[in-house]
Amino acid sequence: MKPEIDHWSTLFLAMWVQSNTCTLTGTLRDGNGALQPNIIEHCGAPWPALAEALADARLIDLPLMILCNDAAIVQALHGKILRLDVDHKAAG
């Protein structure tokens, strides 16, 4: 499935997983197309680090695209569309 982004301003969260450890970095593309790299940075065990990065992403409040090299994580996230409400409760 080809991802589609309907907003020019977008947060890209890249997740590299190796040996049950991961590094996550977030890059913001603003409305003018300028990139602001490394606005989110986390590392550690994959799922806890992803949870921390998603908590940071909620504060930015922009469309989010997650890129990941780990097939199991991609599969677990596939088809999951979450809208994070203002009070930070996930609604699906």
C-alpha atoms as a PDB file:
ATOM      1  CA  MET A   1       0.000   0.000   0.000  1.00  0.00           C
ATOM      2  CA  LYS A   2       1.425   3.353  -1.020  1.00  0.00           C
ATOM      3  CA  PRO A   3       1.278   5.897   1.829  1.00  0.00           C
ATOM      4  CA  GLU A   4      -0.368   9.186   1.008  1.00  0.00           C
ATOM      5  CA  ILE A   5       0.143  12.472   2.802  1.00  0.00           C
ATOM      6  CA  ASP A   6      -2.445  15.167   2.222  1.00  0.00           C
ATOM      7  CA  HIS A   7      -0.602  17.769   4.324  1.00  0.00           C
ATOM      8  CA  TRP A   8       2.590  19.483   3.273  1.00  0.00           C
ATOM      9  CA  SER A   9       3.645  19.944   6.917  1.00  0.00           C
ATOM     10  CA  THR A  10       4.423  16.430   8.145  1.00  0.00           C
ATOM     11  CA  LEU A  11       6.453  14.708  10.833  1.00  0.00           C
ATOM     12  CA  PHE A  12       8.524  11.752   9.602  1.00  0.00           C
ATOM     13  CA  LEU A  13       9.584   9.282  12.275  1.00  0.00           C
ATOM     14  CA  ALA A  14      12.366   6.935  11.144  1.00  0.00           C
ATOM     15  CA  MET A  15      12.943   3.801  13.224  1.00  0.00           C
ATOM     16  CA  TRP A  16      15.986   1.553  12.738  1.00  0.00           C
ATOM     17  CA  VAL A  17      15.829  -1.749  14.618  1.00  0.00           C
ATOM     18  CA  GLN A  18      18.756  -4.142  15.071  1.00  0.00           C
ATOM     19  CA  SER A  19      19.386  -6.806  17.741  1.00  0.00           C
ATOM     20  CA  ASN A  20      16.270  -5.818  19.724  1.00  0.00           C
ATOM     21  CA  THR A  21      17.486  -2.215  20.028  1.00  0.00           C
ATOM     22  CA  CYS A  22      16.275   0.731  18.031  1.00  0.00           C
ATOM     23  CA  THR A  23      17.060   4.306  17.208  1.00  0.00           C
ATOM     24  CA  LEU A  24      14.272   6.715  16.319  1.00  0.00           C
ATOM     25  CA  THR A  25      14.630  10.161  14.846  1.00  0.00           C
ATOM     26  CA  GLY A  26      11.941  12.597  13.827  1.00  0.00           C
ATOM     27  CA  THR A  27      12.225  15.098  10.986  1.00  0.00           C
ATOM     28  CA  LEU A  28       9.711  17.868  10.430  1.00  0.00           C
ATOM     29  CA  ARG A  29       8.848  19.062   6.933  1.00  0.00           C
ATOM     30  CA  ASP A  30       7.190  22.459   7.280  1.00  0.00           C
ATOM     31  CA  GLY A  31       4.672  24.127   4.992  1.00  0.00           C
ATOM     32  CA  ASN A  32       7.469  25.642   2.893  1.00  0.00           C
ATOM     33  CA  GLY A  33       9.163  22.277   2.353  1.00  0.00           C
ATOM     34  CA  ALA A  34      12.071  23.039   4.706  1.00  0.00           C
ATOM     35  CA  LEU A  35      13.330  20.116   6.790  1.00  0.00           C
ATOM     36  CA  GLN A  36      14.126  20.282  10.494  1.00  0.00           C
ATOM     37  CA  PRO A  37      15.944  17.040  11.349  1.00  0.00           C
ATOM     38  CA  ASN A  38      16.325  15.368  14.738  1.00  0.00           C
ATOM     39  CA  ILE A  39      13.461  17.131  16.503  1.00  0.00           C
ATOM     40  CA  ILE A  40      12.637  13.782  18.145  1.00  0.00           C
ATOM     41  CA  GLU A  41      15.346  11.329  19.215  1.00  0.00           C
ATOM     42  CA  HIS A  42      14.926   8.106  21.203  1.00  0.00           C
ATOM     43  CA  CYS A  43      16.757   4.812  21.463  1.00  0.00           C
ATOM     44  CA  GLY A  44      16.376   1.583  23.390  1.00  0.00           C
ATOM     45  CA  ALA A  45      14.032  -1.390  23.244  1.00  0.00           C
ATOM     46  CA  PRO A  46      11.795  -0.950  20.165  1.00  0.00           C
ATOM     47  CA  TRP A  47       8.278  -0.728  21.623  1.00  0.00           C
ATOM     48  CA  PRO A  48       9.078   1.501  24.642  1.00  0.00           C
ATOM     49  CA  ALA A  49      11.196   3.810  22.466  1.00  0.00           C
ATOM     50  CA  LEU A  50       8.392   4.018  19.904  1.00  0.00           C
ATOM     51  CA  ALA A  51       5.895   4.840  22.667  1.00  0.00           C
ATOM     52  CA  GLU A  52       8.132   7.686  23.874  1.00  0.00           C
ATOM     53  CA  ALA A  53       8.579   9.012  20.331  1.00  0.00           C
ATOM     54  CA  LEU A  54       4.810   8.899  19.727  1.00  0.00           C
ATOM     55  CA  ALA A  55       4.237  10.824  22.968  1.00  0.00           C
ATOM     56  CA  ASP A  56       6.586  13.521  21.642  1.00  0.00           C
ATOM     57  CA  ALA A  57       4.852  13.439  18.253  1.00  0.00           C
ATOM     58  CA  ARG A  58       1.496  14.170  19.916  1.00  0.00           C
ATOM     59  CA  LEU A  59       2.911  17.495  21.114  1.00  0.00           C
ATOM     60  CA  ILE A  60       3.835  18.471  17.551  1.00  0.00           C
ATOM     61  CA  ASP A  61       0.304  17.722  16.313  1.00  0.00           C
ATOM     62  CA  LEU A  62       0.998  17.174  12.613  1.00  0.00           C
ATOM     63  CA  PRO A  63       0.360  14.255  10.271  1.00  0.00           C
ATOM     64  CA  LEU A  64       2.843  11.481  11.056  1.00  0.00           C
ATOM     65  CA  MET A  65       4.542   8.962   8.798  1.00  0.00           C
ATOM     66  CA  ILE A  66       6.516   6.149  10.438  1.00  0.00           C
ATOM     67  CA  LEU A  67       9.318   4.492   8.475  1.00  0.00           C
ATOM     68  CA  CYS A  68      10.775   1.269   9.899  1.00  0.00           C
ATOM     69  CA  ASN A  69      13.149  -1.479   8.766  1.00  0.00           C
ATOM     70  CA  ASP A  70      11.669  -4.164  11.052  1.00  0.00           C
ATOM     71  CA  ALA A  71       9.046  -6.327   9.348  1.00  0.00           C
ATOM     72  CA  ALA A  72       7.396  -7.421  12.618  1.00  0.00           C
ATOM     73  CA  ILE A  73       6.883  -3.828  13.759  1.00  0.00           C
ATOM     74  CA  VAL A  74       5.644  -2.765  10.332  1.00  0.00           C
ATOM     75  CA  GLN A  75       3.174  -5.659  10.350  1.00  0.00           C
ATOM     76  CA  ALA A  76       2.001  -4.831  13.881  1.00  0.00           C
ATOM     77  CA  LEU A  77       1.396  -1.200  12.887  1.00  0.00           C
ATOM     78  CA  HIS A  78      -0.067  -1.986   9.453  1.00  0.00           C
ATOM     79  CA  GLY A  79      -3.618  -0.779   9.125  1.00  0.00           C
ATOM     80  CA  LYS A  80      -3.586   0.956  12.490  1.00  0.00           C
ATOM     81  CA  ILE A  81      -4.800   4.500  12.098  1.00  0.00           C
ATOM     82  CA  LEU A  82      -4.914   6.450  15.314  1.00  0.00           C
ATOM     83  CA  ARG A  83      -6.205   9.919  15.895  1.00  0.00           C
ATOM     84  CA  LEU A  84      -4.740  11.445  19.005  1.00  0.00           C
ATOM     85  CA  ASP A  85      -7.253  13.751  20.669  1.00  0.00           C
ATOM     86  CA  VAL A  86      -6.290  16.999  22.345  1.00  0.00           C
ATOM     87  CA  ASP A  87      -6.445  15.315  25.740  1.00  0.00           C
ATOM     88  CA  HIS A  88      -3.997  12.671  24.406  1.00  0.00           C
ATOM     89  CA  LYS A  89      -6.387   9.732  24.409  1.00  0.00           C
ATOM     90  CA  ALA A  90      -6.128   7.485  21.375  1.00  0.00           C
ATOM     91  CA  ALA A  91      -9.312   7.054  19.402  1.00  0.00           C
ATOM     92  CA  GLY A  92      -9.547   4.756  16.451  1.00  0.00           C
END
